Amino acid sequence: MEANLILKEIANNFHSNKDKYAAHEKIRKLFEELCQDMSFIHSVIKDCISNPKFFKNSNNLYFYLLVEGDIIIAINLFPPITDKAKDITHDNIHHHGWRLLTTGVISGKGYETINFVKESHQNIEKNIVKLKIEEDFRHTIGVTKFLDSDQAHVVFHPESTTATLALWSANKNLMNQKIKRTLKNYPKLGKFTSNIVHIIGLNKLLGLNAKNNVQFVPKNGRIIVNPNPAKEVDGPINEITTCMFKFFQQIKLNDSYFFTKLKNIAPIETHILCDKLISNEPIPDIGIKGDIRRRFSKKEILEAVKN
């Protein structure tokens, strides 16, 4: 209960603060503490995976802890790539539109990432995107990072699983957020309404995030707008679930009573993973195969940005 109250308090602080940049700065120290507070991390994960539907739909590398209007708090996993190739993109170069992001590392050795200059992705000539690099760095434990709205970035697969705590918000108060909070219990209606708004071209006026020109890839030595967006899933359920349980073992989330009880509601495919956690049998950190449509090398990207 205490962990959920912390999440709600964070969300309420953002809802009541018109200056979203100041709200992110204000939360930074608390966020750094929460990333290393395993009592908090264990509690929010247990709440999340206690949903009987969770592992039946776990084809993405994240745990949504709170979604309330424009506020999203989640744990993201960044596993290695199965073939052990070096410096391979975890996802395409992308930006989050009007979203601001604060993120910190919970576990693992971190990951390599490139942040590009804010809005430099908007400099497009004949489909060639003139991105400019702001920083090329390694995101590790103890350092909370902030990512601005309309700031393209790309993350590379680490050698071993890394997990982060992430908080997204809008960069300002948006007209549609009260409506979204009202519709949160009716996801199908919310998605239908969103699609209609995009179709009739009122998405910018009503504060919906962009759907086009948000992904970029290297091709023929240049950065271009992605013509073939990757699937919205990170991998098959059995692959993603193994990554999740590897993370649980990494943070010593191995409560025998909890995981024995979880087996009563979780798919049978997860039972062996529950047993490995309980018995402390090592779960191999094999990672994911990844989607070929978002597989590019760091060298490939750096060379394309120069052109």
Protein backbone atom coordinates (compact mmCIF):
# COMPACT_ATOMS: atom_id res chain seq x y z
CA MET A 1 0.00 0.00 0.00
CA GLU A 2 2.79 2.43 0.89
CA ALA A 3 4.44 1.94 -2.52
CA ASN A 4 1.15 2.70 -4.30
CA LEU A 5 0.74 5.84 -2.20
CA ILE A 6 4.21 6.98 -3.32
CA LEU A 7 3.23 6.49 -6.97
CA LYS A 8 -0.02 8.41 -6.47
CA GLU A 9 1.79 11.23 -4.67
CA ILE A 10 4.25 11.57 -7.56
CA ALA A 11 1.36 11.73 -10.05
CA ASN A 12 -0.53 14.29 -7.93
CA ASN A 13 2.54 16.53 -7.75
CA PHE A 14 2.70 16.60 -11.55
CA HIS A 15 -1.03 17.20 -11.95
CA SER A 16 -0.86 20.20 -9.59
CA ASN A 17 2.33 21.74 -11.03
CA LYS A 18 1.97 23.75 -14.24
CA ASP A 19 5.76 23.84 -14.71
CA LYS A 20 6.45 20.24 -15.75
CA TYR A 21 10.20 20.83 -16.07
CA ALA A 22 10.32 22.02 -12.46
CA ALA A 23 8.26 18.98 -11.44
CA HIS A 24 10.83 16.63 -13.01
CA GLU A 25 13.70 18.45 -11.31
CA LYS A 26 11.86 18.32 -7.98
CA ILE A 27 11.35 14.55 -8.28
CA ARG A 28 14.94 13.75 -9.25
CA LYS A 29 16.37 13.08 -5.78
CA LEU A 30 13.38 10.96 -4.72
CA PHE A 31 13.64 9.05 -7.98
CA GLU A 32 17.30 8.23 -7.35
CA GLU A 33 16.34 6.90 -3.92
CA LEU A 34 13.43 4.84 -5.26
CA CYS A 35 15.66 3.19 -7.88
CA GLN A 36 17.72 1.66 -5.07
CA ASP A 37 14.86 1.06 -2.61
CA MET A 38 14.31 -2.66 -3.14
CA SER A 39 11.40 -2.71 -0.70
CA PHE A 40 9.60 -0.24 -3.00
CA ILE A 41 10.69 -1.99 -6.21
CA HIS A 42 9.65 -5.43 -4.94
CA SER A 43 6.28 -4.12 -3.78
CA VAL A 44 5.33 -2.39 -7.06
CA ILE A 45 6.41 -5.41 -9.12
CA LYS A 46 4.40 -7.80 -6.96
CA ASP A 47 1.33 -5.60 -7.38
CA CYS A 48 1.87 -5.52 -11.13
CA ILE A 49 2.39 -9.24 -11.78
CA SER A 50 -0.39 -10.30 -9.39
CA ASN A 51 -2.84 -9.44 -12.16
CA PRO A 52 -3.91 -12.86 -13.57
CA LYS A 53 -3.68 -11.46 -17.12
CA PHE A 54 -0.17 -10.05 -16.77
CA PHE A 55 1.96 -12.99 -17.98
CA LYS A 56 -0.64 -13.96 -20.58
CA ASN A 57 0.05 -10.64 -22.32
CA SER A 58 3.72 -10.08 -21.47
CA ASN A 59 5.22 -9.49 -24.92
CA ASN A 60 6.84 -6.15 -24.00
CA LEU A 61 9.82 -5.41 -21.79
CA TYR A 62 8.10 -3.18 -19.26
CA PHE A 63 5.94 -3.15 -16.16
CA TYR A 64 3.38 -0.34 -16.03
CA LEU A 65 3.22 0.73 -12.39
CA LEU A 66 0.90 3.72 -12.84
CA VAL A 67 -0.86 5.26 -15.84
CA GLU A 68 -2.87 8.37 -15.04
CA GLY A 69 -3.57 10.85 -17.81
CA ASP A 70 -0.22 12.01 -19.21
CA ILE A 71 1.69 10.48 -16.25
CA ILE A 72 3.26 7.06 -16.79
CA ILE A 73 5.56 5.38 -14.25
CA ALA A 74 7.09 2.11 -15.38
CA ILE A 75 10.00 -0.28 -15.03
CA ASN A 76 11.75 -0.95 -18.35
CA LEU A 77 14.02 -3.91 -19.10
CA PHE A 78 17.00 -3.74 -21.45
CA PRO A 79 18.26 -7.31 -22.00
CA PRO A 80 21.22 -8.45 -24.08
CA ILE A 81 20.67 -9.60 -27.65
CA THR A 82 20.71 -13.38 -28.01
CA ASP A 83 23.52 -13.59 -30.58
CA LYS A 84 25.78 -11.45 -28.32
CA ALA A 85 26.53 -8.94 -31.09
CA LYS A 86 28.03 -5.68 -29.79
CA ASP A 87 26.49 -2.20 -29.96
CA ILE A 88 23.19 -3.25 -31.55
CA THR A 89 20.14 -1.00 -31.20
CA HIS A 90 17.48 -2.03 -28.71
CA ASP A 91 14.95 0.00 -30.71
CA ASN A 92 14.97 2.41 -33.64
CA ILE A 93 16.01 6.02 -33.14
CA HIS A 94 12.83 7.65 -31.85
CA HIS A 95 11.38 10.50 -29.81
CA HIS A 96 8.45 10.73 -27.42
CA GLY A 97 6.77 13.82 -28.86
CA TRP A 98 5.59 16.12 -26.06
CA ARG A 99 6.62 13.71 -23.32
CA LEU A 100 9.35 14.50 -20.79
CA LEU A 101 11.24 11.57 -19.28
CA THR A 102 13.15 11.07 -16.05
CA THR A 103 14.86 7.69 -15.74
CA GLY A 104 17.26 5.94 -13.39
CA VAL A 105 18.95 2.52 -13.36
CA ILE A 106 17.62 -0.04 -10.87
CA SER A 107 19.92 -2.96 -11.62
CA GLY A 108 22.55 -4.20 -14.05
CA LYS A 109 25.65 -2.54 -15.47
CA GLY A 110 23.75 0.03 -17.52
CA TYR A 111 23.51 0.58 -21.26
CA GLU A 112 24.97 2.75 -24.01
CA THR A 113 22.73 5.41 -25.48
CA ILE A 114 22.88 8.42 -27.78
CA ASN A 115 20.74 11.51 -27.21
CA PHE A 116 20.30 13.88 -30.14
CA VAL A 117 19.78 17.63 -30.03
CA LYS A 118 16.17 18.56 -29.28
CA GLU A 119 14.08 18.91 -32.47
CA SER A 120 17.04 18.23 -34.76
CA HIS A 121 14.96 15.36 -36.21
CA GLN A 122 12.68 18.00 -37.69
CA ASN A 123 15.42 19.09 -40.09
CA ILE A 124 14.43 16.85 -43.02
CA GLU A 125 15.45 17.32 -46.65
CA LYS A 126 14.17 14.82 -49.22
CA ASN A 127 13.56 12.33 -46.42
CA ILE A 128 17.17 12.73 -45.15
CA VAL A 129 17.09 13.55 -41.42
CA LYS A 130 19.87 15.87 -40.24
CA LEU A 131 20.21 14.64 -36.66
CA LYS A 132 22.80 16.24 -34.38
CA ILE A 133 24.33 14.39 -31.43
CA GLU A 134 24.02 16.01 -28.02
CA GLU A 135 25.69 13.23 -26.00
CA ASP A 136 26.91 9.67 -26.37
CA PHE A 137 27.03 8.15 -22.90
CA ARG A 138 26.55 5.13 -20.65
CA HIS A 139 23.52 5.20 -18.35
CA THR A 140 24.48 3.56 -15.03
CA ILE A 141 23.28 3.19 -11.44
CA GLY A 142 23.28 6.39 -9.39
CA VAL A 143 22.78 8.81 -12.28
CA THR A 144 19.27 10.01 -13.05
CA LYS A 145 18.85 11.21 -16.63
CA PHE A 146 16.32 13.65 -18.05
CA LEU A 147 15.14 13.56 -21.67
CA ASP A 148 13.36 16.54 -23.15
CA SER A 149 10.26 16.54 -25.33
CA ASP A 150 10.90 16.12 -29.07
CA GLN A 151 14.39 14.80 -28.33
CA ALA A 152 15.35 11.81 -30.45
CA HIS A 153 17.49 9.12 -28.84
CA VAL A 154 18.54 5.51 -29.25
CA VAL A 155 19.51 2.76 -26.76
CA PHE A 156 21.82 -0.18 -27.45
CA HIS A 157 21.51 -3.70 -26.07
CA PRO A 158 23.71 -4.12 -22.98
CA GLU A 159 25.86 -7.21 -22.38
CA SER A 160 23.68 -8.19 -19.42
CA THR A 161 20.16 -7.26 -18.33
CA THR A 162 19.67 -3.72 -17.09
CA ALA A 163 16.44 -2.35 -15.59
CA THR A 164 15.33 1.26 -15.21
CA LEU A 165 12.61 3.14 -13.41
CA ALA A 166 11.02 5.66 -15.78
CA LEU A 167 8.58 8.54 -15.38
CA TRP A 168 6.94 10.25 -18.35
CA SER A 169 4.83 13.39 -18.28
CA ALA A 170 3.64 16.00 -20.76
CA ASN A 171 5.76 19.13 -21.14
CA LYS A 172 2.75 21.28 -20.21
CA ASN A 173 -0.86 20.93 -19.13
CA LEU A 174 -2.85 19.36 -21.96
CA MET A 175 -6.50 19.84 -22.85
CA ASN A 176 -7.18 16.13 -23.19
CA GLN A 177 -5.75 14.82 -19.91
CA LYS A 178 -8.90 15.13 -17.77
CA ILE A 179 -10.76 13.26 -20.51
CA LYS A 180 -8.06 10.56 -20.62
CA ARG A 181 -8.23 10.09 -16.85
CA THR A 182 -12.01 9.75 -17.15
CA LEU A 183 -11.69 7.16 -19.95
CA LYS A 184 -8.88 5.11 -18.33
CA ASN A 185 -11.40 2.43 -17.31
CA TYR A 186 -12.68 2.23 -20.90
CA PRO A 187 -9.49 1.56 -22.96
CA LYS A 188 -11.29 0.51 -26.17
CA LEU A 189 -13.38 3.68 -26.19
CA GLY A 190 -10.28 5.76 -25.47
CA LYS A 191 -8.33 4.17 -28.32
CA PHE A 192 -11.27 4.62 -30.73
CA THR A 193 -11.60 8.30 -29.76
CA SER A 194 -7.85 8.84 -30.19
CA ASN A 195 -7.86 7.29 -33.67
CA ILE A 196 -10.78 9.48 -34.78
CA VAL A 197 -9.03 12.64 -33.53
CA HIS A 198 -5.88 11.71 -35.49
CA ILE A 199 -7.87 10.97 -38.64
CA ILE A 200 -9.67 14.32 -38.65
CA GLY A 201 -6.44 16.19 -37.88
CA LEU A 202 -7.23 17.60 -34.44
CA ASN A 203 -4.52 15.68 -32.58
CA LYS A 204 -2.22 18.70 -32.11
CA LEU A 205 -5.05 20.98 -30.98
CA LEU A 206 -6.33 18.44 -28.45
CA GLY A 207 -2.88 17.46 -27.19
CA LEU A 208 -2.52 13.95 -28.64
CA ASN A 209 1.02 12.85 -29.35
CA ALA A 210 2.28 12.46 -32.92
CA LYS A 211 2.14 9.07 -34.63
CA ASN A 212 4.12 9.92 -37.78
CA ASN A 213 7.81 10.81 -38.19
CA VAL A 214 8.70 9.51 -34.74
CA GLN A 215 11.12 6.72 -35.80
CA PHE A 216 14.35 7.06 -37.78
CA VAL A 217 16.83 4.53 -39.16
CA PRO A 218 20.17 4.53 -41.00
CA LYS A 219 20.00 3.55 -44.67
CA ASN A 220 22.63 3.88 -47.43
CA GLY A 221 24.80 5.96 -45.13
CA ARG A 222 22.08 8.46 -44.21
CA ILE A 223 19.44 8.80 -41.47
CA ILE A 224 15.92 8.62 -42.90
CA VAL A 225 12.36 8.60 -41.58
CA ASN A 226 11.57 4.95 -40.88
CA PRO A 227 9.45 3.61 -43.79
CA ASN A 228 8.77 0.26 -42.11
CA PRO A 229 8.01 0.66 -38.38
CA ALA A 230 8.78 -2.32 -36.19
CA LYS A 231 6.08 -4.31 -34.43
CA GLU A 232 4.74 -2.88 -31.20
CA VAL A 233 5.92 -5.96 -29.30
CA ASP A 234 9.45 -6.72 -28.11
CA GLY A 235 9.32 -10.47 -28.61
CA PRO A 236 7.34 -13.68 -28.00
CA ILE A 237 5.86 -14.12 -24.53
CA ASN A 238 8.14 -17.00 -23.48
CA GLU A 239 11.23 -14.96 -24.39
CA ILE A 240 10.05 -11.80 -22.61
CA THR A 241 8.92 -13.71 -19.53
CA THR A 242 12.36 -15.28 -19.12
CA CYS A 243 13.89 -11.78 -19.24
CA MET A 244 11.49 -10.67 -16.52
CA PHE A 245 12.35 -13.55 -14.21
CA LYS A 246 16.05 -12.94 -14.81
CA PHE A 247 15.45 -9.39 -13.59
CA PHE A 248 13.58 -10.69 -10.51
CA GLN A 249 16.56 -12.88 -9.69
CA GLN A 250 18.91 -9.96 -10.27
CA ILE A 251 17.16 -7.86 -7.61
CA LYS A 252 16.64 -10.85 -5.29
CA LEU A 253 12.87 -10.85 -5.66
CA ASN A 254 12.45 -14.54 -4.76
CA ASP A 255 9.77 -14.64 -2.04
CA SER A 256 8.85 -18.34 -1.92
CA TYR A 257 5.36 -17.73 -0.51
CA PHE A 258 4.54 -15.12 -3.17
CA PHE A 259 5.81 -17.10 -6.17
CA THR A 260 4.26 -20.35 -4.98
CA LYS A 261 0.93 -18.53 -4.77
CA LEU A 262 1.56 -16.84 -8.13
CA LYS A 263 1.69 -20.26 -9.81
CA ASN A 264 -2.04 -20.61 -9.10
CA ILE A 265 -2.87 -17.76 -11.51
CA ALA A 266 0.13 -17.57 -13.86
CA PRO A 267 0.42 -19.61 -17.11
CA ILE A 268 1.99 -23.02 -16.66
CA GLU A 269 4.97 -21.92 -18.77
CA THR A 270 6.05 -19.62 -15.93
CA HIS A 271 5.99 -22.30 -13.24
CA ILE A 272 9.52 -23.54 -13.92
CA LEU A 273 10.77 -19.97 -13.69
CA CYS A 274 8.96 -19.50 -10.36
CA ASP A 275 10.61 -22.69 -9.09
CA LYS A 276 14.05 -21.48 -10.19
CA LEU A 277 13.56 -18.24 -8.28
CA ILE A 278 12.43 -20.06 -5.16
CA SER A 279 15.34 -22.53 -5.27
CA ASN A 280 17.84 -19.83 -6.33
CA GLU A 281 18.75 -21.80 -9.46
CA PRO A 282 20.48 -19.42 -11.92
CA ILE A 283 18.28 -18.21 -14.78
CA PRO A 284 20.44 -17.69 -17.90
CA ASP A 285 20.67 -14.11 -19.16
CA ILE A 286 20.07 -15.04 -22.80
CA GLY A 287 18.08 -11.91 -23.67
CA ILE A 288 15.99 -11.53 -26.84
CA LYS A 289 16.46 -12.15 -30.55
CA GLY A 290 15.11 -8.70 -31.38
CA ASP A 291 13.24 -7.42 -34.42
CA ILE A 292 15.39 -7.28 -37.57
CA ARG A 293 13.63 -4.03 -38.52
CA ARG A 294 15.15 -2.27 -35.54
CA ARG A 295 18.57 -3.91 -35.63
CA PHE A 296 21.33 -1.44 -36.48
CA SER A 297 24.88 -0.98 -35.21
CA LYS A 298 26.20 2.04 -33.35
CA LYS A 299 28.90 2.45 -36.00
CA GLU A 300 26.23 2.48 -38.71
CA ILE A 301 24.33 5.25 -36.92
CA LEU A 302 27.36 7.39 -36.15
CA GLU A 303 28.55 7.26 -39.75
CA ALA A 304 25.07 8.09 -41.08
CA VAL A 305 24.72 11.10 -38.75
CA LYS A 306 27.94 12.56 -40.18
CA ASN A 307 26.55 12.57 -43.75
